[in-house]
């Protein structure tokens, strides 16, 4: 459910004054970046600088970045392997359009979309990743409908890592947004990660938390921009867990492709070959537990099937 913060009459007046100022600046700069700058062959450092300016235009001036188990002030002393680097996977919680923007600003990753029932992923742009937080995404459809969108663009994380060994890949394994108060069951797409490539759980929380967007839809954009641009500043609390490795492949001794078996069932039941084994489920549990610990929330059993029903009820006329 959407998070609502109490406000006073004075706060509402200030909100009304700041909103048109921030809106004009944000829309102008966002259009300039996504229509022109992102198509230019800019160095990664320059692209990150432009994205930082875009975050500043939206009122996000401060991000509290901390490594799990590392004392404050010693972040620069940590080895490169302690943070996401080329050839690693970011498994982040998904609560807001700001998530993808922040990850692009810091890590310049390749974004992929995942489905809660499939080991396949679809590569997407930063703009698509931002919009996915508020759109009625294909992930809310059954597996057959999601794959039918563009079957030729489907791949897996193993293949992407082989094609881009020096890039970070970012995935939102919950597949849909929440209000930041729980962690949904994770997609089995993480099971395609080779044993040697680290998976970094990344938790992002916002102050104020009303910029989270758990309910998608066109009307939600207006509400999100009103909350985002009507205040003087927002902060992000970012926590990175230690890397998790997919040891299930090494223990099984065979690749998933060699182990595929079972009939295709489609719909919300998924396919038998996409269902994680007991050993593979331990990997998903480790990542989910890390996200829950970093975000100081609990894991829940609700899936996107339940979310689809909830969104239908929430946005209904009755």
Protein backbone atom coordinates (compact mmCIF):
# COMPACT_ATOMS: atom_id res chain seq x y z
CA UNK A 1 0.00 0.00 0.00
CA UNK A 2 1.24 3.55 -0.69
CA UNK A 3 3.03 5.27 2.19
CA UNK A 4 1.47 8.55 3.34
CA UNK A 5 3.27 11.11 5.50
CA UNK A 6 1.34 13.55 7.71
CA UNK A 7 1.54 17.18 6.59
CA UNK A 8 0.55 20.55 8.02
CA UNK A 9 -0.98 23.57 6.31
CA UNK A 10 2.40 25.30 6.32
CA UNK A 11 4.03 22.23 4.82
CA UNK A 12 1.39 22.05 2.11
CA UNK A 13 1.96 25.70 1.20
CA UNK A 14 5.71 25.16 0.95
CA UNK A 15 5.07 22.02 -1.09
CA UNK A 16 2.91 24.01 -3.52
CA UNK A 17 5.60 26.65 -3.95
CA UNK A 18 8.50 24.24 -4.48
CA UNK A 19 6.72 21.83 -6.80
CA UNK A 20 6.46 24.00 -9.98
CA UNK A 21 10.05 25.20 -9.55
CA UNK A 22 11.47 21.68 -9.22
CA UNK A 23 9.14 20.32 -11.91
CA UNK A 24 10.29 22.75 -14.59
CA UNK A 25 13.95 22.13 -13.78
CA UNK A 26 13.56 18.36 -13.58
CA UNK A 27 11.50 17.91 -16.74
CA UNK A 28 13.82 20.16 -18.75
CA UNK A 29 16.96 18.37 -17.65
CA UNK A 30 15.43 14.89 -17.92
CA UNK A 31 14.30 15.61 -21.50
CA UNK A 32 17.74 16.98 -22.36
CA UNK A 33 19.46 13.87 -21.02
CA UNK A 34 17.19 11.11 -22.32
CA UNK A 35 16.53 12.70 -25.71
CA UNK A 36 20.10 13.80 -26.45
CA UNK A 37 22.88 13.03 -23.99
CA UNK A 38 22.20 9.31 -23.52
CA UNK A 39 22.61 8.73 -27.26
CA UNK A 40 26.10 10.23 -27.30
CA UNK A 41 29.20 8.00 -26.85
CA UNK A 42 30.14 9.62 -23.54
CA UNK A 43 32.68 8.15 -21.10
CA UNK A 44 31.16 6.43 -18.10
CA UNK A 45 32.47 9.11 -15.71
CA UNK A 46 30.84 11.90 -17.73
CA UNK A 47 27.57 9.97 -17.98
CA UNK A 48 27.56 9.48 -14.20
CA UNK A 49 28.13 13.20 -13.70
CA UNK A 50 25.11 14.06 -15.83
CA UNK A 51 23.01 11.53 -13.91
CA UNK A 52 24.11 13.05 -10.60
CA UNK A 53 22.86 16.39 -11.90
CA UNK A 54 19.54 14.74 -12.79
CA UNK A 55 19.26 13.36 -9.26
CA UNK A 56 20.05 16.81 -7.88
CA UNK A 57 17.34 18.32 -10.06
CA UNK A 58 14.85 15.92 -8.48
CA UNK A 59 15.85 16.99 -4.97
CA UNK A 60 18.10 14.04 -4.08
CA UNK A 61 21.27 15.57 -2.71
CA UNK A 62 22.55 12.97 -0.29
CA UNK A 63 23.00 9.20 -0.35
CA UNK A 64 24.19 7.40 2.77
CA UNK A 65 26.19 4.52 1.30
CA UNK A 66 27.53 1.90 3.70
CA UNK A 67 28.88 -1.64 3.42
CA UNK A 68 27.36 -4.25 5.68
CA UNK A 69 29.77 -4.99 8.53
CA UNK A 70 32.15 -2.14 7.67
CA UNK A 71 32.71 0.81 10.01
CA UNK A 72 31.79 4.26 8.82
CA UNK A 73 34.67 6.20 7.31
CA UNK A 74 36.56 3.13 6.13
CA UNK A 75 34.69 2.62 2.85
CA UNK A 76 37.64 3.85 0.77
CA UNK A 77 39.93 1.32 2.46
CA UNK A 78 37.91 -1.68 1.34
CA UNK A 79 39.15 -3.85 -1.56
CA UNK A 80 37.54 -3.55 -4.96
CA UNK A 81 36.02 -7.00 -4.56
CA UNK A 82 33.89 -5.72 -1.66
CA UNK A 83 31.74 -3.54 -3.93
CA UNK A 84 30.03 -4.30 -7.26
CA UNK A 85 32.57 -4.35 -10.09
CA UNK A 86 32.87 -5.67 -13.62
CA UNK A 87 31.49 -9.21 -13.89
CA UNK A 88 29.26 -8.95 -10.82
CA UNK A 89 25.49 -8.85 -10.31
CA UNK A 90 23.53 -6.30 -8.30
CA UNK A 91 20.36 -7.79 -6.81
CA UNK A 92 18.48 -4.73 -5.53
CA UNK A 93 15.15 -4.24 -3.84
CA UNK A 94 12.59 -2.44 -5.98
CA UNK A 95 10.54 0.36 -4.46
CA UNK A 96 10.78 3.47 -6.64
CA UNK A 97 11.85 4.87 -10.04
CA UNK A 98 14.77 6.41 -8.15
CA UNK A 99 16.29 2.95 -7.60
CA UNK A 100 17.42 2.53 -11.20
CA UNK A 101 18.57 6.16 -11.44
CA UNK A 102 20.76 5.82 -8.36
CA UNK A 103 22.30 2.52 -9.49
CA UNK A 104 23.07 4.02 -12.90
CA UNK A 105 24.70 7.04 -11.24
CA UNK A 106 27.01 4.97 -9.04
CA UNK A 107 27.69 1.72 -10.92
CA UNK A 108 26.70 2.39 -14.57
CA UNK A 109 25.21 -1.13 -14.87
CA UNK A 110 23.36 -3.01 -17.58
CA UNK A 111 19.72 -3.27 -16.49
CA UNK A 112 17.65 -6.38 -17.04
CA UNK A 113 13.99 -7.18 -16.42
CA UNK A 114 13.11 -10.49 -14.80
CA UNK A 115 9.97 -12.58 -14.26
CA UNK A 116 9.11 -14.37 -11.00
CA UNK A 117 8.71 -17.69 -12.81
CA UNK A 118 11.56 -17.65 -15.33
CA UNK A 119 15.34 -17.97 -15.39
CA UNK A 120 15.39 -15.78 -18.46
CA UNK A 121 15.87 -12.00 -18.42
CA UNK A 122 15.38 -9.20 -20.91
CA UNK A 123 17.92 -6.40 -21.28
CA UNK A 124 16.36 -2.96 -20.90
CA UNK A 125 17.54 0.64 -20.92
CA UNK A 126 17.83 2.95 -17.92
CA UNK A 127 14.71 4.83 -19.05
CA UNK A 128 12.73 1.58 -19.28
CA UNK A 129 13.99 0.51 -15.85
CA UNK A 130 12.80 3.82 -14.38
CA UNK A 131 9.40 3.56 -16.04
CA UNK A 132 9.00 -0.08 -14.96
CA UNK A 133 8.53 1.08 -11.37
CA UNK A 134 5.27 2.82 -12.29
CA UNK A 135 4.06 1.00 -15.36
CA UNK A 136 1.71 -1.96 -15.44
CA UNK A 137 4.73 -4.07 -16.28
CA UNK A 138 4.61 -7.35 -18.20
CA UNK A 139 5.83 -9.05 -15.02
CA UNK A 140 2.25 -8.75 -13.76
CA UNK A 141 1.23 -11.04 -16.64
CA UNK A 142 1.65 -14.80 -16.69
CA UNK A 143 4.86 -16.30 -18.01
CA UNK A 144 3.59 -17.04 -21.51
CA UNK A 145 2.44 -13.43 -22.03
CA UNK A 146 5.74 -12.05 -20.72
CA UNK A 147 7.79 -14.22 -23.07
CA UNK A 148 5.52 -13.48 -26.03
CA UNK A 149 6.37 -9.77 -25.94
CA UNK A 150 9.69 -10.28 -27.69
CA UNK A 151 11.01 -13.80 -27.45
CA UNK A 152 14.15 -12.90 -29.43
CA UNK A 153 15.34 -10.50 -26.72
CA UNK A 154 15.30 -13.09 -23.93
CA UNK A 155 18.62 -14.28 -22.55
CA UNK A 156 20.02 -15.20 -19.14
CA UNK A 157 22.53 -13.66 -16.76
CA UNK A 158 25.19 -16.21 -17.65
CA UNK A 159 25.09 -15.19 -21.33
CA UNK A 160 25.10 -11.47 -20.49
CA UNK A 161 28.12 -11.85 -18.23
CA UNK A 162 29.95 -13.67 -21.01
CA UNK A 163 29.14 -10.85 -23.47
CA UNK A 164 29.97 -8.04 -21.02
CA UNK A 165 32.63 -9.33 -18.60
CA UNK A 166 33.65 -5.79 -17.59
CA UNK A 167 30.18 -4.46 -16.81
CA UNK A 168 27.99 -4.68 -13.74
CA UNK A 169 24.51 -6.13 -14.33
CA UNK A 170 21.60 -4.86 -12.22
CA UNK A 171 18.46 -6.88 -11.67
CA UNK A 172 15.43 -6.31 -9.45
CA UNK A 173 14.68 -9.94 -8.54
CA UNK A 174 11.44 -9.09 -6.74
CA UNK A 175 10.17 -8.27 -10.27
CA UNK A 176 7.71 -5.67 -8.97
CA UNK A 177 7.78 -2.70 -6.64
CA UNK A 178 6.87 -2.69 -2.96
CA UNK A 179 6.51 0.11 -0.41
CA UNK A 180 9.84 -0.90 1.13
CA UNK A 181 8.32 -2.72 4.11
CA UNK A 182 8.91 -6.27 2.94
CA UNK A 183 10.89 -8.44 0.52
CA UNK A 184 8.95 -10.46 -2.06
CA UNK A 185 10.00 -13.94 -3.21
CA UNK A 186 12.89 -13.66 -5.68
CA UNK A 187 13.01 -14.63 -9.33
CA UNK A 188 14.97 -17.79 -10.25
CA UNK A 189 16.89 -15.73 -12.84
CA UNK A 190 19.72 -15.43 -10.28
CA UNK A 191 20.29 -19.18 -10.57
CA UNK A 192 21.81 -18.64 -14.02
CA UNK A 193 24.77 -16.73 -12.52
CA UNK A 194 28.04 -18.72 -12.81
CA UNK A 195 29.70 -19.77 -9.51
CA UNK A 196 32.64 -17.40 -9.99
CA UNK A 197 30.56 -14.24 -10.39
CA UNK A 198 29.53 -12.46 -7.17
CA UNK A 199 25.96 -11.37 -6.44
CA UNK A 200 25.68 -8.22 -4.31
CA UNK A 201 22.37 -7.66 -2.47
CA UNK A 202 21.71 -3.90 -2.37
CA UNK A 203 19.04 -2.29 -0.20
CA UNK A 204 17.77 1.25 -0.83
CA UNK A 205 15.49 3.12 1.55
CA UNK A 206 14.22 6.69 1.29
CA UNK A 207 13.54 9.57 3.62
CA UNK A 208 10.71 10.45 3.29
CA UNK A 209 9.39 6.99 2.34
CA UNK A 210 6.37 8.35 0.44
CA UNK A 211 8.37 8.34 -2.82
CA UNK A 212 7.96 4.56 -3.00
CA UNK A 213 5.56 3.42 -5.74
CA UNK A 214 3.95 0.08 -4.84
CA UNK A 215 0.87 0.68 -7.03
CA UNK A 216 1.57 1.09 -10.77
CA UNK A 217 -0.49 3.03 -13.28
CA UNK A 218 -0.55 6.28 -15.21
CA UNK A 219 -2.16 8.18 -12.33
CA UNK A 220 0.65 7.09 -10.02
CA UNK A 221 3.14 9.24 -11.97
CA UNK A 222 1.44 12.46 -10.89
CA UNK A 223 1.37 11.35 -7.25
CA UNK A 224 5.04 10.28 -7.38
CA UNK A 225 6.25 13.55 -8.94
CA UNK A 226 4.19 15.57 -6.45
CA UNK A 227 5.87 13.79 -3.53
CA UNK A 228 9.34 13.84 -5.11
CA UNK A 229 9.47 17.43 -6.34
CA UNK A 230 7.43 19.17 -3.68
CA UNK A 231 10.06 18.96 -0.93
CA UNK A 232 13.44 20.61 -0.56
CA UNK A 233 15.48 17.40 -0.33
CA UNK A 234 15.37 13.62 -0.13
CA UNK A 235 17.98 11.21 1.17
CA UNK A 236 18.73 7.61 0.26
CA UNK A 237 20.02 5.03 2.71
CA UNK A 238 21.99 2.47 0.70
CA UNK A 239 23.39 -0.72 2.21
CA UNK A 240 25.55 -3.26 0.37
CA UNK A 241 25.83 -6.80 1.69
CA UNK A 242 28.78 -9.09 1.22
CA UNK A 243 28.84 -10.96 -2.06
CA UNK A 244 26.85 -14.17 -2.41
CA UNK A 245 28.02 -16.90 -4.78
CA UNK A 246 25.96 -19.47 -6.64
CA UNK A 247 27.48 -22.71 -5.37
CA UNK A 248 24.48 -24.80 -6.39
CA UNK A 249 25.90 -25.38 -9.87
CA UNK A 250 29.21 -26.61 -8.55
CA UNK A 251 27.49 -28.91 -6.07
CA UNK A 252 25.15 -30.33 -8.67
CA UNK A 253 28.00 -30.87 -11.11
CA UNK A 254 25.78 -30.14 -14.13
CA UNK A 255 24.50 -27.02 -15.78
CA UNK A 256 20.87 -26.07 -15.64
CA UNK A 257 20.54 -26.62 -19.40
CA UNK A 258 21.66 -30.23 -18.94
CA UNK A 259 19.29 -30.73 -16.03
CA UNK A 260 16.14 -29.38 -17.70
CA UNK A 261 13.22 -31.78 -17.54
CA UNK A 262 9.45 -31.76 -17.08
CA UNK A 263 6.47 -30.55 -19.03
CA UNK A 264 5.77 -26.93 -19.81
CA UNK A 265 2.75 -25.67 -17.94
CA UNK A 266 2.76 -21.91 -18.60
CA UNK A 267 0.45 -19.52 -16.77
CA UNK A 268 1.24 -18.64 -13.17
CA UNK A 269 2.46 -22.16 -12.38
CA UNK A 270 5.53 -21.73 -14.55
CA UNK A 271 7.60 -24.50 -16.10
CA UNK A 272 9.05 -27.43 -14.26
CA UNK A 273 12.57 -26.72 -15.52
CA UNK A 274 12.43 -23.18 -14.09
CA UNK A 275 11.52 -24.32 -10.59
CA UNK A 276 14.54 -24.12 -8.25
CA UNK A 277 15.83 -27.26 -6.61
CA UNK A 278 16.26 -27.40 -2.84
CA UNK A 279 19.95 -26.52 -3.22
CA UNK A 280 19.21 -23.66 -5.60
CA UNK A 281 16.53 -22.28 -3.31
CA UNK A 282 19.20 -21.76 -0.66
CA UNK A 283 20.89 -19.20 -2.92
CA UNK A 284 17.64 -17.26 -3.38
CA UNK A 285 17.05 -17.43 0.37
CA UNK A 286 20.52 -16.04 1.12
CA UNK A 287 19.98 -13.07 -1.19
CA UNK A 288 16.46 -12.42 0.15
CA UNK A 289 17.62 -12.67 3.76
CA UNK A 290 20.42 -10.19 3.06
CA UNK A 291 17.94 -7.72 1.52
CA UNK A 292 15.60 -8.14 4.50
CA UNK A 293 18.43 -7.65 7.00
CA UNK A 294 19.82 -4.58 5.26
CA UNK A 295 16.39 -3.01 4.88
CA UNK A 296 15.35 -4.00 8.43
CA UNK A 297 12.20 -5.60 7.10
CA UNK A 298 10.84 -9.13 6.80
CA UNK A 299 10.38 -11.48 3.89
CA UNK A 300 6.80 -12.08 2.79
CA UNK A 301 5.12 -14.84 0.83
CA UNK A 302 3.12 -12.53 -1.42
CA UNK A 303 3.98 -12.85 -5.11
CA UNK A 304 3.18 -10.80 -8.19
CA UNK A 305 0.11 -12.96 -8.70
CA UNK A 306 -1.29 -11.52 -5.47
CA UNK A 307 -0.05 -8.07 -6.40
CA UNK A 308 -1.94 -8.20 -9.68
CA UNK A 309 -5.14 -8.97 -7.77
CA UNK A 310 -4.35 -6.23 -5.23
CA UNK A 311 -3.74 -3.58 -7.90
CA UNK A 312 -7.02 -4.50 -9.58
CA UNK A 313 -8.87 -4.09 -6.30
CA UNK A 314 -7.02 -0.91 -5.27
CA UNK A 315 -7.65 0.88 -8.57
CA UNK A 316 -11.21 -0.40 -8.99
CA UNK A 317 -14.21 1.88 -8.86
CA UNK A 318 -15.78 0.17 -5.85
